[in-house]
Amino acid sequence: MGKRKKRLKTPESGKHRIAEMWVIKITLFTFAGAMMCSFVSQITTSRSDITVSVMLLAFMLLISIIFDGIGLSVASCSVEKLQKYAKFEKQYNIALRLIKNAEKVNNFCADVVGDMCGILSGACGASIVLQLCAQGQFARWTAITVSSVIAAITVGGKASLKKIAVKNSEEFVFMSARIISIFVKNKKRKK
């Protein structure tokens, strides 16, 4: 009578716990990253001229578009498509890990990096508007035009790259694995 019922640990409960931990980790990482990006963008754009703000804006838009394409290609790629790259062992193994963790990779690339780049592009856009308005331009139309151009480039760039990323997903994934492999040390094999 006094015996307690033991909870059975199922594989599903372990996966659920891992998924919950990922959500908590990525939320905290995004908060810290967004705060840091906001701080850096405020300092950079408030002390720079319009040329630096435009260059930083273009860079952030490009990063956002590329990472969105990477996230989508990882989510749409299959292991079978990567077989032709099996001879490149290190990069192939990294590519397999990317595909195995497609949900997390897509979340990181498309959401985390995309949101941080969005914060920076917004700050750069605001800086450009303020600088143009200080030169005597029409404030309302300048703000509307700059924000519309930023939105159009972001959405149009992502839309055009998505088609390419899905069609050539294995090339995108393998290219990403090659870049990652530069920063990953080779593991020494035990004899």
Protein backbone atom coordinates (compact mmCIF):
# COMPACT_ATOMS: atom_id res chain seq x y z
CA MET A 1 0.00 0.00 0.00
CA GLY A 2 2.78 2.38 0.85
CA LYS A 3 4.58 1.74 -2.42
CA ARG A 4 4.87 4.61 -4.86
CA LYS A 5 4.24 4.12 -8.52
CA LYS A 6 7.41 4.53 -10.55
CA ARG A 7 7.23 6.84 -13.50
CA LEU A 8 8.33 5.14 -16.64
CA LYS A 9 10.86 7.05 -18.67
CA THR A 10 9.99 6.87 -22.30
CA PRO A 11 12.08 8.07 -25.23
CA GLU A 12 9.39 10.64 -25.96
CA SER A 13 9.72 12.23 -22.52
CA GLY A 14 13.47 12.62 -23.02
CA LYS A 15 12.96 14.25 -26.42
CA HIS A 16 10.36 16.58 -24.95
CA ARG A 17 12.76 17.65 -22.21
CA ILE A 18 15.54 18.28 -24.74
CA ALA A 19 13.15 20.36 -26.85
CA GLU A 20 12.15 22.41 -23.79
CA MET A 21 15.82 23.02 -22.93
CA TRP A 22 16.49 24.17 -26.51
CA VAL A 23 13.64 26.69 -26.31
CA ILE A 24 14.95 28.09 -23.04
CA LYS A 25 18.56 28.25 -24.30
CA ILE A 26 17.69 29.88 -27.62
CA THR A 27 15.38 32.40 -25.92
CA LEU A 28 18.10 33.47 -23.47
CA PHE A 29 20.72 33.54 -26.24
CA THR A 30 18.46 35.68 -28.43
CA PHE A 31 17.76 38.08 -25.58
CA ALA A 32 21.47 38.54 -24.83
CA GLY A 33 22.39 38.75 -28.52
CA ALA A 34 19.65 41.24 -29.34
CA MET A 35 20.62 43.40 -26.38
CA MET A 36 24.26 43.37 -27.46
CA CYS A 37 23.36 44.10 -31.10
CA SER A 38 21.08 46.96 -30.07
CA PHE A 39 23.81 48.44 -27.89
CA VAL A 40 26.46 48.15 -30.62
CA SER A 41 24.14 49.51 -33.32
CA GLN A 42 23.15 52.50 -31.18
CA ILE A 43 26.78 53.39 -30.55
CA THR A 44 27.88 52.75 -34.14
CA THR A 45 25.07 54.52 -35.94
CA SER A 46 24.85 57.49 -33.58
CA ARG A 47 28.52 58.35 -34.10
CA SER A 48 28.92 57.56 -37.78
CA ASP A 49 28.19 59.41 -40.97
CA ILE A 50 25.54 58.34 -43.45
CA THR A 51 28.00 56.31 -45.57
CA VAL A 52 28.90 54.02 -42.65
CA SER A 53 25.22 53.63 -41.76
CA VAL A 54 24.33 52.67 -45.35
CA MET A 55 27.24 50.18 -45.52
CA LEU A 56 26.27 48.63 -42.17
CA LEU A 57 22.64 48.45 -43.33
CA ALA A 58 23.63 46.70 -46.59
CA PHE A 59 25.79 44.22 -44.66
CA MET A 60 23.00 43.40 -42.19
CA LEU A 61 20.47 42.91 -44.99
CA LEU A 62 22.88 40.60 -46.82
CA ILE A 63 23.59 38.53 -43.68
CA SER A 64 19.85 38.24 -42.96
CA ILE A 65 19.09 37.05 -46.50
CA ILE A 66 21.98 34.53 -46.60
CA PHE A 67 21.19 33.02 -43.20
CA ASP A 68 17.52 32.68 -44.11
CA GLY A 69 18.59 30.74 -47.21
CA ILE A 70 20.89 28.51 -45.17
CA GLY A 71 18.15 27.76 -42.64
CA LEU A 72 15.69 26.83 -45.37
CA SER A 73 18.20 24.70 -47.28
CA VAL A 74 19.06 22.69 -44.16
CA ALA A 75 15.37 22.14 -43.45
CA SER A 76 14.66 20.98 -47.01
CA CYS A 77 17.77 18.84 -47.61
CA SER A 78 17.87 15.08 -47.17
CA VAL A 79 20.75 12.74 -46.38
CA GLU A 80 20.36 11.06 -49.77
CA LYS A 81 21.08 14.35 -51.56
CA LEU A 82 24.37 14.69 -49.67
CA GLN A 83 25.78 11.29 -50.68
CA LYS A 84 27.80 12.82 -53.52
CA TYR A 85 29.87 14.72 -50.93
CA ALA A 86 30.70 11.66 -48.79
CA LYS A 87 34.34 11.67 -49.97
CA PHE A 88 34.89 14.91 -48.02
CA GLU A 89 34.60 13.19 -44.65
CA LYS A 90 34.91 16.14 -42.27
CA GLN A 91 32.54 18.43 -44.17
CA TYR A 92 30.14 15.58 -44.89
CA ASN A 93 29.87 14.72 -41.18
CA ILE A 94 29.22 18.37 -40.33
CA ALA A 95 26.55 18.53 -43.06
CA LEU A 96 24.89 15.41 -41.63
CA ARG A 97 24.83 17.00 -38.17
CA LEU A 98 23.24 20.12 -39.66
CA ILE A 99 20.50 18.04 -41.27
CA LYS A 100 20.02 15.94 -38.13
CA ASN A 101 19.44 19.17 -36.20
CA ALA A 102 17.51 20.91 -38.99
CA GLU A 103 14.88 22.37 -36.68
CA LYS A 104 17.49 24.01 -34.45
CA VAL A 105 19.67 25.15 -37.36
CA ASN A 106 16.66 26.68 -39.12
CA ASN A 107 15.54 28.36 -35.91
CA PHE A 108 19.01 29.80 -35.30
CA CYS A 109 19.68 30.92 -38.88
CA ALA A 110 16.26 32.22 -39.87
CA ASP A 111 14.95 33.48 -36.54
CA VAL A 112 17.85 34.40 -34.26
CA VAL A 113 20.28 35.80 -36.84
CA GLY A 114 17.40 37.24 -38.87
CA ASP A 115 15.95 39.05 -35.85
CA MET A 116 19.29 40.43 -34.76
CA CYS A 117 19.97 41.67 -38.29
CA GLY A 118 16.47 43.17 -38.30
CA ILE A 119 17.27 45.12 -35.13
CA LEU A 120 20.51 46.39 -36.64
CA SER A 121 18.87 47.29 -39.95
CA GLY A 122 16.15 49.19 -38.10
CA ALA A 123 18.77 51.13 -36.13
CA CYS A 124 20.73 51.85 -39.30
CA GLY A 125 17.55 52.94 -41.07
CA ALA A 126 16.68 55.27 -38.19
CA SER A 127 20.19 56.70 -38.25
CA ILE A 128 19.97 57.32 -42.00
CA VAL A 129 16.58 59.04 -41.59
CA LEU A 130 17.90 61.26 -38.79
CA GLN A 131 20.96 62.20 -40.81
CA LEU A 132 18.92 62.99 -43.91
CA CYS A 133 16.41 65.02 -41.88
CA ALA A 134 19.24 66.98 -40.26
CA GLN A 135 20.30 68.01 -43.76
CA GLY A 136 16.87 69.62 -44.29
CA GLN A 137 15.09 66.81 -46.19
CA PHE A 138 11.38 66.09 -45.71
CA ALA A 139 11.29 64.04 -42.50
CA ARG A 140 8.03 62.14 -42.96
CA TRP A 141 8.66 61.08 -46.57
CA THR A 142 12.27 60.23 -45.83
CA ALA A 143 11.27 57.91 -42.98
CA ILE A 144 8.56 56.26 -45.09
CA THR A 145 10.89 55.79 -48.06
CA VAL A 146 13.84 54.40 -46.07
CA SER A 147 11.72 51.93 -44.10
CA SER A 148 9.92 50.83 -47.28
CA VAL A 149 13.20 50.26 -49.14
CA ILE A 150 14.60 48.23 -46.22
CA ALA A 151 11.46 46.08 -46.07
CA ALA A 152 11.38 45.58 -49.85
CA ILE A 153 15.04 44.56 -50.07
CA THR A 154 14.69 42.17 -47.11
CA VAL A 155 11.54 40.45 -48.35
CA GLY A 156 12.56 40.45 -52.03
CA GLY A 157 16.05 39.17 -51.26
CA LYS A 158 14.74 36.38 -49.04
CA ALA A 159 12.10 35.40 -51.60
CA SER A 160 14.62 35.15 -54.43
CA LEU A 161 17.13 33.18 -52.36
CA LYS A 162 14.50 30.76 -50.99
CA LYS A 163 13.79 29.36 -54.45
CA ILE A 164 17.50 28.81 -55.05
CA ALA A 165 18.05 27.38 -51.56
CA VAL A 166 15.31 24.76 -51.91
CA LYS A 167 16.34 23.78 -55.45
CA ASN A 168 20.05 23.51 -54.52
CA SER A 169 19.72 22.56 -50.86
CA GLU A 170 22.60 20.08 -50.85
CA GLU A 171 25.03 22.67 -52.26
CA PHE A 172 23.93 25.22 -49.64
CA VAL A 173 24.27 22.70 -46.82
CA PHE A 174 27.66 21.46 -48.00
CA MET A 175 28.94 25.02 -48.50
CA SER A 176 27.83 25.85 -44.95
CA ALA A 177 29.56 22.69 -43.67
CA ARG A 178 32.77 23.69 -45.47
CA ILE A 179 32.73 27.11 -43.80
CA ILE A 180 31.99 25.58 -40.39
CA SER A 181 34.79 23.02 -40.90
CA ILE A 182 37.33 25.86 -40.96
CA PHE A 183 36.52 26.56 -37.31
CA VAL A 184 36.17 22.94 -36.15
CA LYS A 185 39.24 21.02 -35.07
CA ASN A 186 39.82 17.52 -36.38
CA LYS A 187 39.29 14.86 -33.77
CA LYS A 188 42.25 12.55 -33.38
CA ARG A 189 41.35 8.96 -33.92
CA LYS A 190 42.17 6.55 -31.16
CA LYS A 191 44.19 3.52 -32.17
